[in-house]
Amino acid sequence: MNDDAVERLMNVILQMQFNLSHVIESFQQQTAEVRQQLGVIFEEEKKVLEDCLNGIDERLKECSALVEDYKKHFAELSEMSDRLRRLGAEPRPLPAGLPADRVEGVVAWRLQELRAQGRI
């Protein structure tokens, strides 16, 4: 090979190296941009999940209060039913009592009932 051919080959290799460096730099820049965009999307989705959990927490607090109200009203209605029976009235059926004292048991029971009824 003569010096001109070697020089041209070296120039081609240098140009290829330059082009490859440019492609790699462009790829790294695009990767960084995608990473940043995915980070933003991740944070948005994380916030959505946190909001969902906060909503669940609020509903559970409401549910807990309703369970306590149910227990109170059920006890009052049961007492009233006993008084009516003692006064000679026909016994009337009471609504279902709660199968558990704790909210967790009541929620599990209601979920099972709703599934059985095909409502969830």
PDB file of N, CA and C in Angstrom:
ATOM      1  N   MET A   1       0.833  -1.170   0.000  1.00  0.00           N
ATOM      2  CA  MET A   1       0.000   0.000   0.000  1.00  0.00           C
ATOM      3  C   MET A   1       0.884   1.242   0.000  1.00  0.00           C
ATOM      4  N   ASN A   2       0.448   2.194  -0.758  1.00  0.00           N
ATOM      5  CA  ASN A   2       1.249   3.411  -0.806  1.00  0.00           C
ATOM      6  C   ASN A   2       0.778   4.385   0.270  1.00  0.00           C
ATOM      7  N   ASP A   3       1.530   5.437   0.442  1.00  0.00           N
ATOM      8  CA  ASP A   3       1.254   6.408   1.498  1.00  0.00           C
ATOM      9  C   ASP A   3      -0.099   7.091   1.318  1.00  0.00           C
ATOM     10  N   ASP A   4      -0.497   7.374   0.076  1.00  0.00           N
ATOM     11  CA  ASP A   4      -1.795   8.016  -0.177  1.00  0.00           C
ATOM     12  C   ASP A   4      -2.941   7.098   0.234  1.00  0.00           C
ATOM     13  N   ALA A   5      -2.839   5.835  -0.079  1.00  0.00           N
ATOM     14  CA  ALA A   5      -3.892   4.874   0.282  1.00  0.00           C
ATOM     15  C   ALA A   5      -4.000   4.746   1.797  1.00  0.00           C
ATOM     16  N   VAL A   6      -2.862   4.704   2.453  1.00  0.00           N
ATOM     17  CA  VAL A   6      -2.850   4.612   3.918  1.00  0.00           C
ATOM     18  C   VAL A   6      -3.455   5.883   4.515  1.00  0.00           C
ATOM     19  N   GLU A   7      -3.109   7.024   3.944  1.00  0.00           N
ATOM     20  CA  GLU A   7      -3.626   8.310   4.428  1.00  0.00           C
ATOM     21  C   GLU A   7      -5.149   8.372   4.254  1.00  0.00           C
ATOM     22  N   ARG A   8      -5.633   7.944   3.079  1.00  0.00           N
ATOM     23  CA  ARG A   8      -7.091   7.930   2.834  1.00  0.00           C
ATOM     24  C   ARG A   8      -7.782   6.978   3.800  1.00  0.00           C
ATOM     25  N   LEU A   9      -7.199   5.824   4.005  1.00  0.00           N
ATOM     26  CA  LEU A   9      -7.761   4.845   4.944  1.00  0.00           C
ATOM     27  C   LEU A   9      -7.804   5.420   6.353  1.00  0.00           C
ATOM     28  N   MET A  10      -6.762   6.090   6.759  1.00  0.00           N
ATOM     29  CA  MET A  10      -6.722   6.709   8.086  1.00  0.00           C
ATOM     30  C   MET A  10      -7.790   7.804   8.203  1.00  0.00           C
ATOM     31  N   ASN A  11      -7.957   8.582   7.130  1.00  0.00           N
ATOM     32  CA  ASN A  11      -8.996   9.620   7.128  1.00  0.00           C
ATOM     33  C   ASN A  11     -10.391   9.005   7.232  1.00  0.00           C
ATOM     34  N   VAL A  12     -10.614   7.934   6.509  1.00  0.00           N
ATOM     35  CA  VAL A  12     -11.910   7.244   6.565  1.00  0.00           C
ATOM     36  C   VAL A  12     -12.150   6.730   7.988  1.00  0.00           C
ATOM     37  N   ILE A  13     -11.131   6.122   8.566  1.00  0.00           N
ATOM     38  CA  ILE A  13     -11.261   5.588   9.935  1.00  0.00           C
ATOM     39  C   ILE A  13     -11.511   6.725  10.922  1.00  0.00           C
ATOM     40  N   LEU A  14     -10.800   7.837  10.776  1.00  0.00           N
ATOM     41  CA  LEU A  14     -11.019   8.984  11.660  1.00  0.00           C
ATOM     42  C   LEU A  14     -12.424   9.551  11.491  1.00  0.00           C
ATOM     43  N   GLN A  15     -12.883   9.625  10.244  1.00  0.00           N
ATOM     44  CA  GLN A  15     -14.254  10.113   9.990  1.00  0.00           C
ATOM     45  C   GLN A  15     -15.280   9.160  10.614  1.00  0.00           C
ATOM     46  N   MET A  16     -15.042   7.859  10.474  1.00  0.00           N
ATOM     47  CA  MET A  16     -15.945   6.868  11.075  1.00  0.00           C
ATOM     48  C   MET A  16     -15.942   7.012  12.599  1.00  0.00           C
ATOM     49  N   GLN A  17     -14.769   7.228  13.168  1.00  0.00           N
ATOM     50  CA  GLN A  17     -14.652   7.401  14.611  1.00  0.00           C
ATOM     51  C   GLN A  17     -15.411   8.661  15.043  1.00  0.00           C
ATOM     52  N   PHE A  18     -15.266   9.739  14.287  1.00  0.00           N
ATOM     53  CA  PHE A  18     -15.973  10.976  14.581  1.00  0.00           C
ATOM     54  C   PHE A  18     -17.484  10.760  14.493  1.00  0.00           C
ATOM     55  N   ASN A  19     -17.920  10.105  13.405  1.00  0.00           N
ATOM     56  CA  ASN A  19     -19.352   9.832  13.234  1.00  0.00           C
ATOM     57  C   ASN A  19     -19.882   8.950  14.364  1.00  0.00           C
ATOM     58  N   LEU A  20     -19.122   7.936  14.728  1.00  0.00           N
ATOM     59  CA  LEU A  20     -19.532   7.039  15.810  1.00  0.00           C
ATOM     60  C   LEU A  20     -19.605   7.799  17.129  1.00  0.00           C
ATOM     61  N   SER A  21     -18.645   8.660  17.377  1.00  0.00           N
ATOM     62  CA  SER A  21     -18.665   9.476  18.598  1.00  0.00           C
ATOM     63  C   SER A  21     -19.904  10.363  18.620  1.00  0.00           C
ATOM     64  N   HIS A  22     -20.220  10.933  17.459  1.00  0.00           N
ATOM     65  CA  HIS A  22     -21.412  11.783  17.361  1.00  0.00           C
ATOM     66  C   HIS A  22     -22.684  10.958  17.622  1.00  0.00           C
ATOM     67  N   VAL A  23     -22.763   9.770  17.065  1.00  0.00           N
ATOM     68  CA  VAL A  23     -23.926   8.897  17.270  1.00  0.00           C
ATOM     69  C   VAL A  23     -24.036   8.522  18.747  1.00  0.00           C
ATOM     70  N   ILE A  24     -22.921   8.171  19.360  1.00  0.00           N
ATOM     71  CA  ILE A  24     -22.923   7.791  20.777  1.00  0.00           C
ATOM     72  C   ILE A  24     -23.362   8.972  21.640  1.00  0.00           C
ATOM     73  N   GLU A  25     -22.841  10.143  21.343  1.00  0.00           N
ATOM     74  CA  GLU A  25     -23.221  11.346  22.099  1.00  0.00           C
ATOM     75  C   GLU A  25     -24.711  11.622  21.955  1.00  0.00           C
ATOM     76  N   SER A  26     -25.218  11.515  20.724  1.00  0.00           N
ATOM     77  CA  SER A  26     -26.641  11.721  20.467  1.00  0.00           C
ATOM     78  C   SER A  26     -27.474  10.681  21.216  1.00  0.00           C
ATOM     79  N   PHE A  27     -27.042   9.437  21.186  1.00  0.00           N
ATOM     80  CA  PHE A  27     -27.745   8.361  21.886  1.00  0.00           C
ATOM     81  C   PHE A  27     -27.761   8.623  23.393  1.00  0.00           C
ATOM     82  N   GLN A  28     -26.646   9.058  23.947  1.00  0.00           N
ATOM     83  CA  GLN A  28     -26.575   9.348  25.380  1.00  0.00           C
ATOM     84  C   GLN A  28     -27.488  10.508  25.748  1.00  0.00           C
ATOM     85  N   GLN A  29     -27.540  11.511  24.882  1.00  0.00           N
ATOM     86  CA  GLN A  29     -28.413  12.654  25.127  1.00  0.00           C
ATOM     87  C   GLN A  29     -29.886  12.225  25.092  1.00  0.00           C
ATOM     88  N   GLN A  30     -30.243  11.426  24.101  1.00  0.00           N
ATOM     89  CA  GLN A  30     -31.625  10.947  23.997  1.00  0.00           C
ATOM     90  C   GLN A  30     -31.965  10.049  25.192  1.00  0.00           C
ATOM     91  N   THR A  31     -31.028   9.228  25.600  1.00  0.00           N
ATOM     92  CA  THR A  31     -31.252   8.366  26.755  1.00  0.00           C
ATOM     93  C   THR A  31     -31.493   9.202  28.015  1.00  0.00           C
ATOM     94  N   ALA A  32     -30.722  10.247  28.188  1.00  0.00           N
ATOM     95  CA  ALA A  32     -30.897  11.139  29.339  1.00  0.00           C
ATOM     96  C   ALA A  32     -32.265  11.815  29.302  1.00  0.00           C
ATOM     97  N   GLU A  33     -32.687  12.247  28.117  1.00  0.00           N
ATOM     98  CA  GLU A  33     -34.001  12.882  27.972  1.00  0.00           C
ATOM     99  C   GLU A  33     -35.122  11.894  28.289  1.00  0.00           C
ATOM    100  N   VAL A  34     -34.996  10.689  27.782  1.00  0.00           N
ATOM    101  CA  VAL A  34     -36.015   9.662  28.047  1.00  0.00           C
ATOM    102  C   VAL A  34     -36.047   9.344  29.533  1.00  0.00           C
ATOM    103  N   ARG A  35     -34.869   9.226  30.144  1.00  0.00           N
ATOM    104  CA  ARG A  35     -34.787   8.947  31.579  1.00  0.00           C
ATOM    105  C   ARG A  35     -35.490  10.050  32.374  1.00  0.00           C
ATOM    106  N   GLN A  36     -35.261  11.298  31.962  1.00  0.00           N
ATOM    107  CA  GLN A  36     -35.886  12.429  32.643  1.00  0.00           C
ATOM    108  C   GLN A  36     -37.409  12.383  32.471  1.00  0.00           C
ATOM    109  N   GLN A  37     -37.866  12.122  31.241  1.00  0.00           N
ATOM    110  CA  GLN A  37     -39.305  12.046  30.991  1.00  0.00           C
ATOM    111  C   GLN A  37     -39.939  10.903  31.784  1.00  0.00           C
ATOM    112  N   LEU A  38     -39.268   9.759  31.820  1.00  0.00           N
ATOM    113  CA  LEU A  38     -39.795   8.630  32.591  1.00  0.00           C
ATOM    114  C   LEU A  38     -39.815   8.947  34.084  1.00  0.00           C
ATOM    115  N   GLY A  39     -38.823   9.702  34.541  1.00  0.00           N
ATOM    116  CA  GLY A  39     -38.807  10.122  35.945  1.00  0.00           C
ATOM    117  C   GLY A  39     -40.010  10.987  36.280  1.00  0.00           C
ATOM    118  N   VAL A  40     -40.361  11.892  35.366  1.00  0.00           N
ATOM    119  CA  VAL A  40     -41.529  12.754  35.565  1.00  0.00           C
ATOM    120  C   VAL A  40     -42.797  11.911  35.586  1.00  0.00           C
ATOM    121  N   ILE A  41     -42.923  11.002  34.636  1.00  0.00           N
ATOM    122  CA  ILE A  41     -44.101  10.119  34.576  1.00  0.00           C
ATOM    123  C   ILE A  41     -44.178   9.260  35.830  1.00  0.00           C
ATOM    124  N   PHE A  42     -43.030   8.746  36.266  1.00  0.00           N
ATOM    125  CA  PHE A  42     -42.987   7.934  37.484  1.00  0.00           C
ATOM    126  C   PHE A  42     -43.514   8.721  38.674  1.00  0.00           C
ATOM    127  N   GLU A  43     -43.063   9.944  38.830  1.00  0.00           N
ATOM    128  CA  GLU A  43     -43.501  10.768  39.956  1.00  0.00           C
ATOM    129  C   GLU A  43     -44.998  11.070  39.866  1.00  0.00           C
ATOM    130  N   GLU A  44     -45.506  11.298  38.653  1.00  0.00           N
ATOM    131  CA  GLU A  44     -46.942  11.540  38.479  1.00  0.00           C
ATOM    132  C   GLU A  44     -47.741  10.306  38.876  1.00  0.00           C
ATOM    133  N   GLU A  45     -47.301   9.135  38.425  1.00  0.00           N
ATOM    134  CA  GLU A  45     -47.996   7.893  38.749  1.00  0.00           C
ATOM    135  C   GLU A  45     -47.898   7.584  40.248  1.00  0.00           C
ATOM    136  N   LYS A  46     -46.758   7.891  40.831  1.00  0.00           N
ATOM    137  CA  LYS A  46     -46.572   7.696  42.273  1.00  0.00           C
ATOM    138  C   LYS A  46     -47.573   8.556  43.038  1.00  0.00           C
ATOM    139  N   LYS A  47     -47.761   9.793  42.590  1.00  0.00           N
ATOM    140  CA  LYS A  47     -48.718  10.704  43.226  1.00  0.00           C
ATOM    141  C   LYS A  47     -50.135  10.160  43.088  1.00  0.00           C
ATOM    142  N   VAL A  48     -50.460   9.602  41.936  1.00  0.00           N
ATOM    143  CA  VAL A  48     -51.792   9.015  41.731  1.00  0.00           C
ATOM    144  C   VAL A  48     -52.014   7.877  42.737  1.00  0.00           C
ATOM    145  N   LEU A  49     -51.007   7.024  42.899  1.00  0.00           N
ATOM    146  CA  LEU A  49     -51.130   5.915  43.849  1.00  0.00           C
ATOM    147  C   LEU A  49     -51.257   6.418  45.285  1.00  0.00           C
ATOM    148  N   GLU A  50     -50.489   7.441  45.629  1.00  0.00           N
ATOM    149  CA  GLU A  50     -50.582   8.015  46.971  1.00  0.00           C
ATOM    150  C   GLU A  50     -51.972   8.590  47.204  1.00  0.00           C
ATOM    151  N   ASP A  51     -52.533   9.251  46.197  1.00  0.00           N
ATOM    152  CA  ASP A  51     -53.888   9.792  46.303  1.00  0.00           C
ATOM    153  C   ASP A  51     -54.908   8.669  46.479  1.00  0.00           C
ATOM    154  N   CYS A  52     -54.707   7.566  45.751  1.00  0.00           N
ATOM    155  CA  CYS A  52     -55.602   6.413  45.899  1.00  0.00           C
ATOM    156  C   CYS A  52     -55.548   5.873  47.330  1.00  0.00           C
ATOM    157  N   LEU A  53     -54.339   5.720  47.845  1.00  0.00           N
ATOM    158  CA  LEU A  53     -54.199   5.217  49.219  1.00  0.00           C
ATOM    159  C   LEU A  53     -54.829   6.175  50.227  1.00  0.00           C
ATOM    160  N   ASN A  54     -54.653   7.468  50.014  1.00  0.00           N
ATOM    161  CA  ASN A  54     -55.283   8.443  50.902  1.00  0.00           C
ATOM    162  C   ASN A  54     -56.808   8.332  50.838  1.00  0.00           C
ATOM    163  N   GLY A  55     -57.327   8.116  49.636  1.00  0.00           N
ATOM    164  CA  GLY A  55     -58.774   7.923  49.486  1.00  0.00           C
ATOM    165  C   GLY A  55     -59.249   6.667  50.196  1.00  0.00           C
ATOM    166  N   ILE A  56     -58.481   5.589  50.066  1.00  0.00           N
ATOM    167  CA  ILE A  56     -58.818   4.344  50.772  1.00  0.00           C
ATOM    168  C   ILE A  56     -58.800   4.586  52.275  1.00  0.00           C
ATOM    169  N   ASP A  57     -57.767   5.274  52.750  1.00  0.00           N
ATOM    170  CA  ASP A  57     -57.667   5.573  54.182  1.00  0.00           C
ATOM    171  C   ASP A  57     -58.887   6.345  54.677  1.00  0.00           C
ATOM    172  N   GLU A  58     -59.300   7.344  53.910  1.00  0.00           N
ATOM    173  CA  GLU A  58     -60.468   8.136  54.310  1.00  0.00           C
ATOM    174  C   GLU A  58     -61.732   7.278  54.350  1.00  0.00           C
ATOM    175  N   ARG A  59     -61.903   6.425  53.325  1.00  0.00           N
ATOM    176  CA  ARG A  59     -63.092   5.555  53.304  1.00  0.00           C
ATOM    177  C   ARG A  59     -63.074   4.568  54.470  1.00  0.00           C
ATOM    178  N   LEU A  60     -61.885   4.082  54.820  1.00  0.00           N
ATOM    179  CA  LEU A  60     -61.784   3.157  55.953  1.00  0.00           C
ATOM    180  C   LEU A  60     -62.124   3.852  57.263  1.00  0.00           C
ATOM    181  N   LYS A  61     -61.709   5.104  57.401  1.00  0.00           N
ATOM    182  CA  LYS A  61     -62.084   5.865  58.598  1.00  0.00           C
ATOM    183  C   LYS A  61     -63.598   6.040  58.656  1.00  0.00           C
ATOM    184  N   GLU A  62     -64.194   6.385  57.510  1.00  0.00           N
ATOM    185  CA  GLU A  62     -65.652   6.525  57.448  1.00  0.00           C
ATOM    186  C   GLU A  62     -66.324   5.199  57.774  1.00  0.00           C
ATOM    187  N   CYS A  63     -65.771   4.125  57.219  1.00  0.00           N
ATOM    188  CA  CYS A  63     -66.321   2.791  57.455  1.00  0.00           C
ATOM    189  C   CYS A  63     -66.252   2.440  58.937  1.00  0.00           C
ATOM    190  N   SER A  64     -65.149   2.756  59.566  1.00  0.00           N
ATOM    191  CA  SER A  64     -64.980   2.473  60.983  1.00  0.00           C
ATOM    192  C   SER A  64     -66.044   3.201  61.802  1.00  0.00           C
ATOM    193  N   ALA A  65     -66.285   4.459  61.473  1.00  0.00           N
ATOM    194  CA  ALA A  65     -67.314   5.227  62.176  1.00  0.00           C
ATOM    195  C   ALA A  65     -68.696   4.625  61.934  1.00  0.00           C
ATOM    196  N   LEU A  66     -68.970   4.181  60.709  1.00  0.00           N
ATOM    197  CA  LEU A  66     -70.268   3.577  60.402  1.00  0.00           C
ATOM    198  C   LEU A  66     -70.455   2.245  61.130  1.00  0.00           C
ATOM    199  N   VAL A  67     -69.389   1.478  61.276  1.00  0.00           N
ATOM    200  CA  VAL A  67     -69.473   0.219  62.021  1.00  0.00           C
ATOM    201  C   VAL A  67     -69.862   0.516  63.470  1.00  0.00           C
ATOM    202  N   GLU A  68     -69.240   1.527  64.047  1.00  0.00           N
ATOM    203  CA  GLU A  68     -69.577   1.898  65.425  1.00  0.00           C
ATOM    204  C   GLU A  68     -71.025   2.360  65.517  1.00  0.00           C
ATOM    205  N   ASP A  69     -71.490   3.157  64.546  1.00  0.00           N
ATOM    206  CA  ASP A  69     -72.890   3.592  64.517  1.00  0.00           C
ATOM    207  C   ASP A  69     -73.818   2.390  64.395  1.00  0.00           C
ATOM    208  N   TYR A  70     -73.462   1.444  63.534  1.00  0.00           N
ATOM    209  CA  TYR A  70     -74.288   0.252  63.341  1.00  0.00           C
ATOM    210  C   TYR A  70     -74.414  -0.513  64.650  1.00  0.00           C
ATOM    211  N   LYS A  71     -73.287  -0.717  65.333  1.00  0.00           N
ATOM    212  CA  LYS A  71     -73.314  -1.444  66.612  1.00  0.00           C
ATOM    213  C   LYS A  71     -74.236  -0.751  67.611  1.00  0.00           C
ATOM    214  N   LYS A  72     -74.128   0.563  67.706  1.00  0.00           N
ATOM    215  CA  LYS A  72     -74.941   1.343  68.647  1.00  0.00           C
ATOM    216  C   LYS A  72     -76.421   1.215  68.305  1.00  0.00           C
ATOM    217  N   HIS A  73     -76.756   1.439  67.041  1.00  0.00           N
ATOM    218  CA  HIS A  73     -78.170   1.380  66.633  1.00  0.00           C
ATOM    219  C   HIS A  73     -78.713  -0.043  66.733  1.00  0.00           C
ATOM    220  N   PHE A  74     -77.895  -1.037  66.432  1.00  0.00           N
ATOM    221  CA  PHE A  74     -78.343  -2.410  66.543  1.00  0.00           C
ATOM    222  C   PHE A  74     -78.658  -2.753  68.003  1.00  0.00           C
ATOM    223  N   ALA A  75     -77.794  -2.324  68.922  1.00  0.00           N
ATOM    224  CA  ALA A  75     -78.032  -2.569  70.352  1.00  0.00           C
ATOM    225  C   ALA A  75     -79.320  -1.880  70.798  1.00  0.00           C
ATOM    226  N   GLU A  76     -79.528  -0.645  70.361  1.00  0.00           N
ATOM    227  CA  GLU A  76     -80.752   0.084  70.722  1.00  0.00           C
ATOM    228  C   GLU A  76     -81.985  -0.599  70.143  1.00  0.00           C
ATOM    229  N   LEU A  77     -81.912  -1.040  68.897  1.00  0.00           N
ATOM    230  CA  LEU A  77     -83.045  -1.700  68.256  1.00  0.00           C
ATOM    231  C   LEU A  77     -83.324  -3.048  68.916  1.00  0.00           C
ATOM    232  N   SER A  78     -82.300  -3.759  69.284  1.00  0.00           N
ATOM    233  CA  SER A  78     -82.456  -5.041  69.967  1.00  0.00           C
ATOM    234  C   SER A  78     -83.142  -4.850  71.307  1.00  0.00           C
ATOM    235  N   GLU A  79     -82.741  -3.836  72.029  1.00  0.00           N
ATOM    236  CA  GLU A  79     -83.372  -3.524  73.321  1.00  0.00           C
ATOM    237  C   GLU A  79     -84.837  -3.146  73.127  1.00  0.00           C
ATOM    238  N   MET A  80     -85.089  -2.358  72.094  1.00  0.00           N
ATOM    239  CA  MET A  80     -86.463  -1.960  71.800  1.00  0.00           C
ATOM    240  C   MET A  80     -87.303  -3.180  71.441  1.00  0.00           C
ATOM    241  N   SER A  81     -86.750  -4.100  70.684  1.00  0.00           N
ATOM    242  CA  SER A  81     -87.457  -5.318  70.299  1.00  0.00           C
ATOM    243  C   SER A  81     -87.799  -6.144  71.540  1.00  0.00           C
ATOM    244  N   ASP A  82     -86.862  -6.249  72.474  1.00  0.00           N
ATOM    245  CA  ASP A  82     -87.126  -6.971  73.726  1.00  0.00           C
ATOM    246  C   ASP A  82     -88.258  -6.309  74.514  1.00  0.00           C
ATOM    247  N   ARG A  83     -88.264  -5.001  74.593  1.00  0.00           N
ATOM    248  CA  ARG A  83     -89.327  -4.276  75.315  1.00  0.00           C
ATOM    249  C   ARG A  83     -90.691  -4.527  74.668  1.00  0.00           C
ATOM    250  N   LEU A  84     -90.693  -4.468  73.325  1.00  0.00           N
ATOM    251  CA  LEU A  84     -91.957  -4.706  72.615  1.00  0.00           C
ATOM    252  C   LEU A  84     -92.473  -6.119  72.891  1.00  0.00           C
ATOM    253  N   ARG A  85     -91.573  -7.100  72.875  1.00  0.00           N
ATOM    254  CA  ARG A  85     -91.959  -8.478  73.162  1.00  0.00           C
ATOM    255  C   ARG A  85     -92.518  -8.612  74.578  1.00  0.00           C
ATOM    256  N   ARG A  86     -91.872  -7.958  75.530  1.00  0.00           N
ATOM    257  CA  ARG A  86     -92.345  -8.012  76.924  1.00  0.00           C
ATOM    258  C   ARG A  86     -93.699  -7.348  77.072  1.00  0.00           C
ATOM    259  N   LEU A  87     -93.998  -6.386  76.189  1.00  0.00           N
ATOM    260  CA  LEU A  87     -95.304  -5.719  76.215  1.00  0.00           C
ATOM    261  C   LEU A  87     -96.355  -6.487  75.415  1.00  0.00           C
ATOM    262  N   GLY A  88     -95.968  -7.654  74.894  1.00  0.00           N
ATOM    263  CA  GLY A  88     -96.926  -8.498  74.207  1.00  0.00           C
ATOM    264  C   GLY A  88     -96.955  -8.357  72.697  1.00  0.00           C
ATOM    265  N   ALA A  89     -96.095  -7.581  72.122  1.00  0.00           N
ATOM    266  CA  ALA A  89     -96.076  -7.398  70.666  1.00  0.00           C
ATOM    267  C   ALA A  89     -95.460  -8.632  70.006  1.00  0.00           C
ATOM    268  N   GLU A  90     -95.855  -8.844  68.768  1.00  0.00           N
ATOM    269  CA  GLU A  90     -95.267  -9.931  67.986  1.00  0.00           C
ATOM    270  C   GLU A  90     -93.784  -9.647  67.786  1.00  0.00           C
ATOM    271  N   PRO A  91     -92.942 -10.668  67.916  1.00  0.00           N
ATOM    272  CA  PRO A  91     -91.507 -10.427  67.689  1.00  0.00           C
ATOM    273  C   PRO A  91     -91.246 -10.069  66.221  1.00  0.00           C
ATOM    274  N   ARG A  92     -90.431  -9.108  66.033  1.00  0.00           N
ATOM    275  CA  ARG A  92     -90.059  -8.688  64.686  1.00  0.00           C
ATOM    276  C   ARG A  92     -88.596  -9.045  64.458  1.00  0.00           C
ATOM    277  N   PRO A  93     -88.316  -9.503  63.246  1.00  0.00           N
ATOM    278  CA  PRO A  93     -86.916  -9.882  62.982  1.00  0.00           C
ATOM    279  C   PRO A  93     -86.009  -8.638  62.938  1.00  0.00           C
ATOM    280  N   LEU A  94     -84.855  -8.805  63.518  1.00  0.00           N
ATOM    281  CA  LEU A  94     -83.853  -7.727  63.503  1.00  0.00           C
ATOM    282  C   LEU A  94     -83.005  -7.836  62.237  1.00  0.00           C
ATOM    283  N   PRO A  95     -82.466  -6.734  61.793  1.00  0.00           N
ATOM    284  CA  PRO A  95     -81.489  -6.810  60.691  1.00  0.00           C
ATOM    285  C   PRO A  95     -80.290  -7.649  61.140  1.00  0.00           C
ATOM    286  N   ALA A  96     -79.487  -8.012  60.200  1.00  0.00           N
ATOM    287  CA  ALA A  96     -78.322  -8.834  60.524  1.00  0.00           C
ATOM    288  C   ALA A  96     -77.405  -8.098  61.487  1.00  0.00           C
ATOM    289  N   GLY A  97     -76.956  -8.844  62.484  1.00  0.00           N
ATOM    290  CA  GLY A  97     -75.950  -8.295  63.390  1.00  0.00           C
ATOM    291  C   GLY A  97     -74.584  -8.451  62.752  1.00  0.00           C
ATOM    292  N   LEU A  98     -73.651  -7.706  63.265  1.00  0.00           N
ATOM    293  CA  LEU A  98     -72.302  -7.785  62.719  1.00  0.00           C
ATOM    294  C   LEU A  98     -71.612  -9.043  63.242  1.00  0.00           C
ATOM    295  N   PRO A  99     -70.956  -9.795  62.373  1.00  0.00           N
ATOM    296  CA  PRO A  99     -70.330 -11.047  62.780  1.00  0.00           C
ATOM    297  C   PRO A  99     -68.993 -10.854  63.504  1.00  0.00           C
ATOM    298  N   ALA A 100     -68.539  -9.627  63.590  1.00  0.00           N
ATOM    299  CA  ALA A 100     -67.245  -9.380  64.222  1.00  0.00           C
ATOM    300  C   ALA A 100     -67.302  -8.057  64.964  1.00  0.00           C
ATOM    301  N   ASP A 101     -66.473  -7.953  65.983  1.00  0.00           N
ATOM    302  CA  ASP A 101     -66.425  -6.706  66.743  1.00  0.00           C
ATOM    303  C   ASP A 101     -65.482  -5.687  66.110  1.00  0.00           C
ATOM    304  N   ARG A 102     -64.473  -6.190  65.433  1.00  0.00           N
ATOM    305  CA  ARG A 102     -63.470  -5.294  64.859  1.00  0.00           C
ATOM    306  C   ARG A 102     -63.833  -4.925  63.428  1.00  0.00           C
ATOM    307  N   VAL A 103     -63.417  -3.745  63.043  1.00  0.00           N
ATOM    308  CA  VAL A 103     -63.709  -3.225  61.702  1.00  0.00           C
ATOM    309  C   VAL A 103     -63.167  -4.156  60.622  1.00  0.00           C
ATOM    310  N   GLU A 104     -61.976  -4.721  60.834  1.00  0.00           N
ATOM    311  CA  GLU A 104     -61.367  -5.589  59.831  1.00  0.00           C
ATOM    312  C   GLU A 104     -62.267  -6.780  59.514  1.00  0.00           C
ATOM    313  N   GLY A 105     -62.839  -7.372  60.563  1.00  0.00           N
ATOM    314  CA  GLY A 105     -63.730  -8.511  60.365  1.00  0.00           C
ATOM    315  C   GLY A 105     -65.014  -8.122  59.652  1.00  0.00           C
ATOM    316  N   VAL A 106     -65.539  -6.959  60.000  1.00  0.00           N
ATOM    317  CA  VAL A 106     -66.778  -6.479  59.367  1.00  0.00           C
ATOM    318  C   VAL A 106     -66.533  -6.207  57.886  1.00  0.00           C
ATOM    319  N   VAL A 107     -65.418  -5.564  57.577  1.00  0.00           N
ATOM    320  CA  VAL A 107     -65.105  -5.262  56.176  1.00  0.00           C
ATOM    321  C   VAL A 107     -64.927  -6.556  55.390  1.00  0.00           C
ATOM    322  N   ALA A 108     -64.208  -7.514  55.952  1.00  0.00           N
ATOM    323  CA  ALA A 108     -64.014  -8.797  55.269  1.00  0.00           C
ATOM    324  C   ALA A 108     -65.351  -9.495  55.044  1.00  0.00           C
ATOM    325  N   TRP A 109     -66.216  -9.477  56.046  1.00  0.00           N
ATOM    326  CA  TRP A 109     -67.539 -10.102  55.936  1.00  0.00           C
ATOM    327  C   TRP A 109     -68.370  -9.424  54.849  1.00  0.00           C
ATOM    328  N   ARG A 110     -68.371  -8.078  54.833  1.00  0.00           N
ATOM    329  CA  ARG A 110     -69.162  -7.361  53.826  1.00  0.00           C
ATOM    330  C   ARG A 110     -68.631  -7.605  52.419  1.00  0.00           C
ATOM    331  N   LEU A 111     -67.315  -7.634  52.287  1.00  0.00           N
ATOM    332  CA  LEU A 111     -66.745  -7.926  50.966  1.00  0.00           C
ATOM    333  C   LEU A 111     -67.185  -9.300  50.484  1.00  0.00           C
ATOM    334  N   GLN A 112     -67.168 -10.263  51.389  1.00  0.00           N
ATOM    335  CA  GLN A 112     -67.604 -11.619  51.028  1.00  0.00           C
ATOM    336  C   GLN A 112     -69.091 -11.629  50.654  1.00  0.00           C
ATOM    337  N   GLU A 113     -69.903 -10.902  51.410  1.00  0.00           N
ATOM    338  CA  GLU A 113     -71.333 -10.815  51.099  1.00  0.00           C
ATOM    339  C   GLU A 113     -71.557 -10.152  49.725  1.00  0.00           C
ATOM    340  N   LEU A 114     -70.861  -9.080  49.465  1.00  0.00           N
ATOM    341  CA  LEU A 114     -71.034  -8.392  48.182  1.00  0.00           C
ATOM    342  C   LEU A 114     -70.580  -9.244  47.017  1.00  0.00           C
ATOM    343  N   ARG A 115     -69.512 -10.003  47.210  1.00  0.00           N
ATOM    344  CA  ARG A 115     -69.067 -10.930  46.146  1.00  0.00           C
ATOM    345  C   ARG A 115     -70.115 -12.006  45.897  1.00  0.00           C
ATOM    346  N   ALA A 116     -70.646 -12.535  46.977  1.00  0.00           N
ATOM    347  CA  ALA A 116     -71.649 -13.590  46.866  1.00  0.00           C
ATOM    348  C   ALA A 116     -72.897 -13.084  46.116  1.00  0.00           C
ATOM    349  N   GLN A 117     -73.200 -11.811  46.307  1.00  0.00           N
ATOM    350  CA  GLN A 117     -74.357 -11.210  45.635  1.00  0.00           C
ATOM    351  C   GLN A 117     -74.020 -10.728  44.229  1.00  0.00           C
ATOM    352  N   GLY A 118     -72.754 -10.853  43.846  1.00  0.00           N
ATOM    353  CA  GLY A 118     -72.325 -10.415  42.528  1.00  0.00           C
ATOM    354  C   GLY A 118     -72.270  -8.903  42.365  1.00  0.00           C
ATOM    355  N   ARG A 119     -72.164  -8.202  43.479  1.00  0.00           N
ATOM    356  CA  ARG A 119     -72.146  -6.737  43.423  1.00  0.00           C
ATOM    357  C   ARG A 119     -70.732  -6.181  43.287  1.00  0.00           C
ATOM    358  N   ILE A 120     -69.740  -7.013  43.511  1.00  0.00           N
ATOM    359  CA  ILE A 120     -68.341  -6.591  43.262  1.00  0.00           C
ATOM    360  C   ILE A 120     -67.609  -7.752  42.642  1.00  0.00           C
TER     361      ILE A 120
END
